[in-house]
Amino acid sequence: MKDNPCVKFAYIDTDGQPVYKNKLCFDTDVEAIAYAKKMNKLNADRLIRKLVAYKCPKCLKWHVGRTYATLSDKEREKIKND
């Protein structure tokens, strides 16, 4: 975690302590957007919220995260067919 200050909650271990894992970092928005599109397409059948790229204020790199808006069936179909 030294190289990457950006982490996300993963699970609670057997001792009741939270465990975190590193977020994926991308150097450019192009890389992050491509990864988000790829993951959206691979998981289109079970997507609830679309993955999008965003610039991190902590590390100044790009990450991929979920939007707050719930996808409609029409939007899900469009992702599958793109």
Protein backbone atom coordinates (compact mmCIF):
# COMPACT_ATOMS: atom_id res chain seq x y z
CA MET A 1 0.00 0.00 0.00
CA LYS A 2 3.01 2.33 0.14
CA ASP A 3 2.93 2.95 -3.62
CA ASN A 4 -0.83 3.32 -3.75
CA PRO A 5 -2.53 5.48 -1.10
CA CYS A 6 -5.93 4.56 -2.52
CA VAL A 7 -7.64 1.56 -0.96
CA LYS A 8 -11.15 0.22 -0.70
CA PHE A 9 -12.86 -1.92 1.89
CA ALA A 10 -12.70 -5.64 1.03
CA TYR A 11 -14.07 -7.60 4.00
CA ILE A 12 -13.97 -8.16 7.78
CA ASP A 13 -11.39 -10.75 8.87
CA THR A 14 -11.89 -13.45 11.50
CA ASP A 15 -10.67 -11.06 14.23
CA GLY A 16 -13.34 -8.54 13.28
CA GLN A 17 -10.84 -6.16 11.67
CA PRO A 18 -11.53 -4.47 8.34
CA VAL A 19 -9.33 -5.55 5.45
CA TYR A 20 -8.64 -3.17 2.59
CA LYS A 21 -7.25 -3.76 -0.89
CA ASN A 22 -5.55 -1.43 -3.34
CA LYS A 23 -7.66 0.24 -6.00
CA LEU A 24 -6.55 -0.26 -9.59
CA CYS A 25 -4.65 2.78 -10.82
CA PHE A 26 -4.37 3.97 -14.41
CA ASP A 27 -1.98 6.64 -15.66
CA THR A 28 -4.41 8.07 -18.21
CA ASP A 29 -8.12 8.56 -18.61
CA VAL A 30 -7.96 6.61 -21.89
CA GLU A 31 -6.70 3.49 -20.07
CA ALA A 32 -9.28 3.81 -17.28
CA ILE A 33 -12.18 4.38 -19.69
CA ALA A 34 -11.13 1.39 -21.82
CA TYR A 35 -11.00 -0.81 -18.71
CA ALA A 36 -14.41 0.43 -17.51
CA LYS A 37 -15.97 -0.26 -20.93
CA LYS A 38 -14.43 -3.74 -21.03
CA MET A 39 -15.72 -4.60 -17.55
CA ASN A 40 -19.17 -3.15 -18.28
CA LYS A 41 -19.46 -5.30 -21.41
CA LEU A 42 -18.20 -8.48 -19.67
CA ASN A 43 -20.68 -8.04 -16.83
CA ALA A 44 -23.59 -6.45 -18.72
CA ASP A 45 -26.09 -9.16 -17.75
CA ARG A 46 -25.66 -8.51 -14.04
CA LEU A 47 -24.76 -4.81 -13.98
CA ILE A 48 -26.78 -2.67 -11.63
CA ARG A 49 -24.63 0.44 -11.86
CA LYS A 50 -22.30 1.39 -14.70
CA LEU A 51 -18.54 1.55 -14.13
CA VAL A 52 -16.92 4.88 -14.98
CA ALA A 53 -13.43 6.38 -14.83
CA TYR A 54 -12.60 9.19 -12.41
CA LYS A 55 -9.50 11.16 -11.46
CA CYS A 56 -8.43 10.62 -7.85
CA PRO A 57 -7.70 13.72 -5.77
CA LYS A 58 -5.35 11.69 -3.51
CA CYS A 59 -2.97 10.06 -5.98
CA LEU A 60 -3.83 12.10 -9.12
CA LYS A 61 -4.18 8.89 -11.13
CA TRP A 62 -7.33 7.40 -12.62
CA HIS A 63 -9.57 4.78 -10.99
CA VAL A 64 -12.77 3.01 -12.02
CA GLY A 65 -15.88 3.17 -9.84
CA ARG A 66 -19.62 2.78 -9.99
CA THR A 67 -22.11 5.55 -10.68
CA TYR A 68 -25.06 6.11 -8.35
CA ALA A 69 -27.63 5.82 -11.12
CA THR A 70 -29.25 2.42 -11.65
CA LEU A 71 -29.04 1.14 -15.21
CA SER A 72 -32.25 0.53 -17.13
CA ASP A 73 -32.73 -2.61 -19.22
CA LYS A 74 -32.37 -0.47 -22.34
CA GLU A 75 -29.01 0.92 -21.19
CA ARG A 76 -27.83 -2.58 -20.25
CA GLU A 77 -28.69 -3.85 -23.74
CA LYS A 78 -26.81 -0.94 -25.34
CA ILE A 79 -23.68 -1.80 -23.30
CA LYS A 80 -23.92 -5.45 -24.38
CA ASN A 81 -24.22 -4.50 -28.05
CA ASP A 82 -21.50 -1.80 -28.20
